[in-house]
PDB file of all heavy atoms in Angstrom:
ATOM      1  N   ALA A   1      10.244  -1.940 -11.477  1.00  0.00           N
ATOM      2  CA  ALA A   1       9.136  -2.105 -10.545  1.00  0.00           C
ATOM      3  C   ALA A   1       8.305  -3.342 -10.845  1.00  0.00           C
ATOM      4  O   ALA A   1       7.545  -3.794  -9.983  1.00  0.00           O
ATOM      5  CB  ALA A   1       8.253  -0.857 -10.569  1.00  0.00           C
ATOM      6  N   SER A   2       8.430  -3.905 -12.029  1.00  0.00           N
ATOM      7  CA  SER A   2       7.679  -5.103 -12.379  1.00  0.00           C
ATOM      8  C   SER A   2       8.074  -6.308 -11.543  1.00  0.00           C
ATOM      9  O   SER A   2       7.363  -7.305 -11.514  1.00  0.00           O
ATOM     10  CB  SER A   2       7.832  -5.418 -13.867  1.00  0.00           C
ATOM     11  OG  SER A   2       9.183  -5.717 -14.188  1.00  0.00           O
ATOM     12  N   THR A   3       9.207  -6.231 -10.858  1.00  0.00           N
ATOM     13  CA  THR A   3       9.655  -7.300  -9.979  1.00  0.00           C
ATOM     14  C   THR A   3       8.787  -7.411  -8.731  1.00  0.00           C
ATOM     15  O   THR A   3       8.732  -8.459  -8.094  1.00  0.00           O
ATOM     16  CB  THR A   3      11.118  -7.060  -9.567  1.00  0.00           C
ATOM     17  OG1 THR A   3      11.926  -6.946 -10.741  1.00  0.00           O
ATOM     18  CG2 THR A   3      11.649  -8.212  -8.719  1.00  0.00           C
ATOM     19  N   TYR A   4       8.084  -6.334  -8.394  1.00  0.00           N
ATOM     20  CA  TYR A   4       7.395  -6.238  -7.125  1.00  0.00           C
ATOM     21  C   TYR A   4       5.902  -6.007  -7.266  1.00  0.00           C
ATOM     22  O   TYR A   4       5.444  -5.337  -8.192  1.00  0.00           O
ATOM     23  CB  TYR A   4       7.990  -5.091  -6.308  1.00  0.00           C
ATOM     24  CG  TYR A   4       9.471  -5.223  -6.061  1.00  0.00           C
ATOM     25  CD1 TYR A   4      10.388  -4.612  -6.906  1.00  0.00           C
ATOM     26  CD2 TYR A   4       9.938  -5.962  -4.992  1.00  0.00           C
ATOM     27  CE1 TYR A   4      11.753  -4.742  -6.679  1.00  0.00           C
ATOM     28  CE2 TYR A   4      11.291  -6.101  -4.757  1.00  0.00           C
ATOM     29  CZ  TYR A   4      12.194  -5.486  -5.608  1.00  0.00           C
ATOM     30  OH  TYR A   4      13.543  -5.620  -5.376  1.00  0.00           O
ATOM     31  N   ALA A   5       5.186  -6.562  -6.309  1.00  0.00           N
ATOM     32  CA  ALA A   5       3.830  -6.112  -6.079  1.00  0.00           C
ATOM     33  C   ALA A   5       3.908  -4.745  -5.403  1.00  0.00           C
ATOM     34  O   ALA A   5       4.839  -4.470  -4.646  1.00  0.00           O
ATOM     35  CB  ALA A   5       3.075  -7.092  -5.189  1.00  0.00           C
ATOM     36  N   MET A   6       2.951  -3.897  -5.687  1.00  0.00           N
ATOM     37  CA  MET A   6       2.970  -2.543  -5.160  1.00  0.00           C
ATOM     38  C   MET A   6       1.674  -2.260  -4.413  1.00  0.00           C
ATOM     39  O   MET A   6       0.624  -2.817  -4.729  1.00  0.00           O
ATOM     40  CB  MET A   6       3.145  -1.523  -6.286  1.00  0.00           C
ATOM     41  CG  MET A   6       4.371  -1.752  -7.156  1.00  0.00           C
ATOM     42  SD  MET A   6       5.927  -1.416  -6.284  1.00  0.00           S
ATOM     43  CE  MET A   6       5.827   0.363  -6.114  1.00  0.00           C
ATOM     44  N   ALA A   7       1.769  -1.376  -3.446  1.00  0.00           N
ATOM     45  CA  ALA A   7       0.596  -1.065  -2.645  1.00  0.00           C
ATOM     46  C   ALA A   7       0.630   0.373  -2.164  1.00  0.00           C
ATOM     47  O   ALA A   7       1.680   1.020  -2.148  1.00  0.00           O
ATOM     48  CB  ALA A   7       0.502  -2.008  -1.448  1.00  0.00           C
ATOM     49  N   TRP A   8      -0.533   0.845  -1.786  1.00  0.00           N
ATOM     50  CA  TRP A   8      -0.682   2.138  -1.129  1.00  0.00           C
ATOM     51  C   TRP A   8      -1.254   1.923   0.260  1.00  0.00           C
ATOM     52  O   TRP A   8      -2.211   1.155   0.440  1.00  0.00           O
ATOM     53  CB  TRP A   8      -1.605   3.073  -1.918  1.00  0.00           C
ATOM     54  CG  TRP A   8      -1.013   3.585  -3.191  1.00  0.00           C
ATOM     55  CD1 TRP A   8      -1.187   3.078  -4.441  1.00  0.00           C
ATOM     56  CD2 TRP A   8      -0.157   4.725  -3.335  1.00  0.00           C
ATOM     57  NE1 TRP A   8      -0.490   3.823  -5.359  1.00  0.00           N
ATOM     58  CE2 TRP A   8       0.156   4.840  -4.705  1.00  0.00           C
ATOM     59  CE3 TRP A   8       0.380   5.651  -2.439  1.00  0.00           C
ATOM     60  CZ2 TRP A   8       0.978   5.851  -5.210  1.00  0.00           C
ATOM     61  CZ3 TRP A   8       1.205   6.659  -2.935  1.00  0.00           C
ATOM     62  CH2 TRP A   8       1.491   6.751  -4.302  1.00  0.00           C
ATOM     63  N   PHE A   9      -0.662   2.603   1.219  1.00  0.00           N
ATOM     64  CA  PHE A   9      -1.160   2.650   2.588  1.00  0.00           C
ATOM     65  C   PHE A   9      -1.372   4.102   2.965  1.00  0.00           C
ATOM     66  O   PHE A   9      -0.878   5.009   2.294  1.00  0.00           O
ATOM     67  CB  PHE A   9      -0.167   2.005   3.556  1.00  0.00           C
ATOM     68  CG  PHE A   9      -0.065   0.515   3.426  1.00  0.00           C
ATOM     69  CD1 PHE A   9       0.656  -0.069   2.400  1.00  0.00           C
ATOM     70  CD2 PHE A   9      -0.687  -0.315   4.345  1.00  0.00           C
ATOM     71  CE1 PHE A   9       0.758  -1.443   2.281  1.00  0.00           C
ATOM     72  CE2 PHE A   9      -0.595  -1.699   4.248  1.00  0.00           C
ATOM     73  CZ  PHE A   9       0.127  -2.260   3.215  1.00  0.00           C
ATOM     74  N   ARG A  10      -2.084   4.325   4.033  1.00  0.00           N
ATOM     75  CA  ARG A  10      -2.248   5.686   4.523  1.00  0.00           C
ATOM     76  C   ARG A  10      -2.272   5.692   6.040  1.00  0.00           C
ATOM     77  O   ARG A  10      -2.633   4.710   6.680  1.00  0.00           O
ATOM     78  CB  ARG A  10      -3.513   6.343   3.967  1.00  0.00           C
ATOM     79  CG  ARG A  10      -4.823   5.727   4.439  1.00  0.00           C
ATOM     80  CD  ARG A  10      -5.990   6.354   3.710  1.00  0.00           C
ATOM     81  NE  ARG A  10      -7.273   5.833   4.163  1.00  0.00           N
ATOM     82  CZ  ARG A  10      -8.437   6.135   3.608  1.00  0.00           C
ATOM     83  NH1 ARG A  10      -8.491   6.967   2.572  1.00  0.00           N
ATOM     84  NH2 ARG A  10      -9.567   5.614   4.091  1.00  0.00           N
ATOM     85  N   GLN A  11      -1.893   6.830   6.606  1.00  0.00           N
ATOM     86  CA  GLN A  11      -1.873   6.973   8.039  1.00  0.00           C
ATOM     87  C   GLN A  11      -2.323   8.374   8.416  1.00  0.00           C
ATOM     88  O   GLN A  11      -1.700   9.361   8.028  1.00  0.00           O
ATOM     89  CB  GLN A  11      -0.477   6.697   8.601  1.00  0.00           C
ATOM     90  CG  GLN A  11      -0.423   6.668  10.111  1.00  0.00           C
ATOM     91  CD  GLN A  11       0.882   6.099  10.628  1.00  0.00           C
ATOM     92  OE1 GLN A  11       1.885   6.073   9.919  1.00  0.00           O
ATOM     93  NE2 GLN A  11       0.870   5.616  11.854  1.00  0.00           N
ATOM     94  N   ALA A  12      -3.398   8.440   9.152  1.00  0.00           N
ATOM     95  CA  ALA A  12      -3.908   9.696   9.659  1.00  0.00           C
ATOM     96  C   ALA A  12      -3.360   9.939  11.061  1.00  0.00           C
ATOM     97  O   ALA A  12      -2.981   8.993  11.755  1.00  0.00           O
ATOM     98  CB  ALA A  12      -5.428   9.682   9.683  1.00  0.00           C
ATOM     99  N   PRO A  13      -3.310  11.191  11.509  1.00  0.00           N
ATOM    100  CA  PRO A  13      -2.802  11.479  12.851  1.00  0.00           C
ATOM    101  C   PRO A  13      -3.549  10.690  13.923  1.00  0.00           C
ATOM    102  O   PRO A  13      -4.779  10.654  13.935  1.00  0.00           O
ATOM    103  CB  PRO A  13      -3.038  12.979  13.002  1.00  0.00           C
ATOM    104  CG  PRO A  13      -3.014  13.499  11.604  1.00  0.00           C
ATOM    105  CD  PRO A  13      -3.660  12.422  10.782  1.00  0.00           C
ATOM    106  N   GLY A  14      -2.798  10.044  14.811  1.00  0.00           N
ATOM    107  CA  GLY A  14      -3.392   9.289  15.893  1.00  0.00           C
ATOM    108  C   GLY A  14      -3.942   7.935  15.506  1.00  0.00           C
ATOM    109  O   GLY A  14      -4.536   7.258  16.347  1.00  0.00           O
ATOM    110  N   LYS A  15      -3.759   7.535  14.259  1.00  0.00           N
ATOM    111  CA  LYS A  15      -4.278   6.257  13.799  1.00  0.00           C
ATOM    112  C   LYS A  15      -3.165   5.358  13.293  1.00  0.00           C
ATOM    113  O   LYS A  15      -2.076   5.816  12.986  1.00  0.00           O
ATOM    114  CB  LYS A  15      -5.318   6.467  12.700  1.00  0.00           C
ATOM    115  CG  LYS A  15      -6.572   7.206  13.135  1.00  0.00           C
ATOM    116  CD  LYS A  15      -7.580   7.283  12.007  1.00  0.00           C
ATOM    117  CE  LYS A  15      -8.853   7.971  12.450  1.00  0.00           C
ATOM    118  NZ  LYS A  15      -9.854   8.030  11.349  1.00  0.00           N
ATOM    119  N   GLU A  16      -3.460   4.075  13.217  1.00  0.00           N
ATOM    120  CA  GLU A  16      -2.516   3.110  12.671  1.00  0.00           C
ATOM    121  C   GLU A  16      -2.454   3.235  11.157  1.00  0.00           C
ATOM    122  O   GLU A  16      -3.410   3.673  10.508  1.00  0.00           O
ATOM    123  CB  GLU A  16      -2.934   1.691  13.050  1.00  0.00           C
ATOM    124  CG  GLU A  16      -2.929   1.404  14.543  1.00  0.00           C
ATOM    125  CD  GLU A  16      -1.532   1.389  15.110  1.00  0.00           C
ATOM    126  OE1 GLU A  16      -0.609   0.893  14.434  1.00  0.00           O
ATOM    127  OE2 GLU A  16      -1.350   1.873  16.233  1.00  0.00           O
ATOM    128  N   ARG A  17      -1.312   2.851  10.611  1.00  0.00           N
ATOM    129  CA  ARG A  17      -1.198   2.811   9.168  1.00  0.00           C
ATOM    130  C   ARG A  17      -2.137   1.733   8.629  1.00  0.00           C
ATOM    131  O   ARG A  17      -2.154   0.610   9.124  1.00  0.00           O
ATOM    132  CB  ARG A  17       0.248   2.521   8.757  1.00  0.00           C
ATOM    133  CG  ARG A  17       0.495   2.624   7.265  1.00  0.00           C
ATOM    134  CD  ARG A  17       1.984   2.573   6.943  1.00  0.00           C
ATOM    135  NE  ARG A  17       2.703   3.668   7.572  1.00  0.00           N
ATOM    136  CZ  ARG A  17       3.989   3.943   7.357  1.00  0.00           C
ATOM    137  NH1 ARG A  17       4.690   3.195   6.524  1.00  0.00           N
ATOM    138  NH2 ARG A  17       4.562   4.950   7.983  1.00  0.00           N
ATOM    139  N   GLU A  18      -2.910   2.068   7.614  1.00  0.00           N
ATOM    140  CA  GLU A  18      -3.895   1.139   7.104  1.00  0.00           C
ATOM    141  C   GLU A  18      -3.714   0.883   5.612  1.00  0.00           C
ATOM    142  O   GLU A  18      -3.281   1.744   4.853  1.00  0.00           O
ATOM    143  CB  GLU A  18      -5.314   1.651   7.372  1.00  0.00           C
ATOM    144  CG  GLU A  18      -5.681   2.913   6.625  1.00  0.00           C
ATOM    145  CD  GLU A  18      -7.137   3.323   6.810  1.00  0.00           C
ATOM    146  OE1 GLU A  18      -7.937   2.491   7.290  1.00  0.00           O
ATOM    147  OE2 GLU A  18      -7.470   4.474   6.470  1.00  0.00           O
ATOM    148  N   PHE A  19      -4.082  -0.310   5.227  1.00  0.00           N
ATOM    149  CA  PHE A  19      -4.027  -0.707   3.832  1.00  0.00           C
ATOM    150  C   PHE A  19      -5.068   0.039   3.021  1.00  0.00           C
ATOM    151  O   PHE A  19      -6.215   0.197   3.447  1.00  0.00           O
ATOM    152  CB  PHE A  19      -4.257  -2.215   3.722  1.00  0.00           C
ATOM    153  CG  PHE A  19      -4.453  -2.704   2.323  1.00  0.00           C
ATOM    154  CD1 PHE A  19      -3.378  -2.873   1.472  1.00  0.00           C
ATOM    155  CD2 PHE A  19      -5.724  -3.006   1.846  1.00  0.00           C
ATOM    156  CE1 PHE A  19      -3.546  -3.326   0.179  1.00  0.00           C
ATOM    157  CE2 PHE A  19      -5.911  -3.463   0.558  1.00  0.00           C
ATOM    158  CZ  PHE A  19      -4.814  -3.622  -0.281  1.00  0.00           C
ATOM    159  N   VAL A  20      -4.679   0.484   1.833  1.00  0.00           N
ATOM    160  CA  VAL A  20      -5.597   1.163   0.930  1.00  0.00           C
ATOM    161  C   VAL A  20      -5.857   0.323  -0.311  1.00  0.00           C
ATOM    162  O   VAL A  20      -6.994  -0.023  -0.616  1.00  0.00           O
ATOM    163  CB  VAL A  20      -5.066   2.551   0.523  1.00  0.00           C
ATOM    164  CG1 VAL A  20      -5.987   3.190  -0.515  1.00  0.00           C
ATOM    165  CG2 VAL A  20      -4.926   3.452   1.738  1.00  0.00           C
ATOM    166  N   SER A  21      -4.786  -0.008  -1.026  1.00  0.00           N
ATOM    167  CA  SER A  21      -4.948  -0.740  -2.272  1.00  0.00           C
ATOM    168  C   SER A  21      -3.627  -1.364  -2.684  1.00  0.00           C
ATOM    169  O   SER A  21      -2.564  -0.878  -2.316  1.00  0.00           O
ATOM    170  CB  SER A  21      -5.459   0.199  -3.381  1.00  0.00           C
ATOM    171  OG  SER A  21      -5.888  -0.521  -4.515  1.00  0.00           O
ATOM    172  N   ALA A  22      -3.691  -2.445  -3.446  1.00  0.00           N
ATOM    173  CA  ALA A  22      -2.489  -3.122  -3.913  1.00  0.00           C
ATOM    174  C   ALA A  22      -2.705  -3.658  -5.318  1.00  0.00           C
ATOM    175  O   ALA A  22      -3.832  -3.927  -5.730  1.00  0.00           O
ATOM    176  CB  ALA A  22      -2.107  -4.265  -2.975  1.00  0.00           C
ATOM    177  N   VAL A  23      -1.605  -3.830  -6.030  1.00  0.00           N
ATOM    178  CA  VAL A  23      -1.641  -4.373  -7.380  1.00  0.00           C
ATOM    179  C   VAL A  23      -0.524  -5.395  -7.529  1.00  0.00           C
ATOM    180  O   VAL A  23       0.580  -5.201  -7.030  1.00  0.00           O
ATOM    181  CB  VAL A  23      -1.531  -3.250  -8.445  1.00  0.00           C
ATOM    182  CG1 VAL A  23      -0.233  -2.460  -8.276  1.00  0.00           C
ATOM    183  CG2 VAL A  23      -1.646  -3.809  -9.853  1.00  0.00           C
ATOM    184  N   SER A  24      -0.818  -6.499  -8.219  1.00  0.00           N
ATOM    185  CA  SER A  24       0.159  -7.547  -8.426  1.00  0.00           C
ATOM    186  C   SER A  24       1.255  -7.091  -9.377  1.00  0.00           C
ATOM    187  O   SER A  24       1.173  -6.034 -10.004  1.00  0.00           O
ATOM    188  CB  SER A  24      -0.529  -8.803  -8.975  1.00  0.00           C
ATOM    189  OG  SER A  24      -1.114  -8.540 -10.243  1.00  0.00           O
ATOM    190  N   ARG A  25       2.285  -7.922  -9.497  1.00  0.00           N
ATOM    191  CA  ARG A  25       3.435  -7.558 -10.320  1.00  0.00           C
ATOM    192  C   ARG A  25       3.068  -7.261 -11.764  1.00  0.00           C
ATOM    193  O   ARG A  25       3.580  -6.309 -12.363  1.00  0.00           O
ATOM    194  CB  ARG A  25       4.490  -8.663 -10.274  1.00  0.00           C
ATOM    195  CG  ARG A  25       5.177  -8.816  -8.932  1.00  0.00           C
ATOM    196  CD  ARG A  25       6.290  -9.835  -9.023  1.00  0.00           C
ATOM    197  NE  ARG A  25       5.773 -11.161  -9.338  1.00  0.00           N
ATOM    198  CZ  ARG A  25       6.532 -12.179  -9.723  1.00  0.00           C
ATOM    199  NH1 ARG A  25       7.842 -12.030  -9.846  1.00  0.00           N
ATOM    200  NH2 ARG A  25       5.983 -13.356  -9.984  1.00  0.00           N
ATOM    201  N   GLY A  26       2.198  -8.064 -12.320  1.00  0.00           N
ATOM    202  CA  GLY A  26       1.799  -7.877 -13.704  1.00  0.00           C
ATOM    203  C   GLY A  26       0.675  -6.880 -13.898  1.00  0.00           C
ATOM    204  O   GLY A  26       0.344  -6.542 -15.038  1.00  0.00           O
TER     205      GLY A  26
END
């Protein structure tokens, strides 16, 4: 997983998927 930046998104019913948080590779 260190090869990639990672992120969390969330999607509530009837809503668009939205960005929550992200972390760089290191």
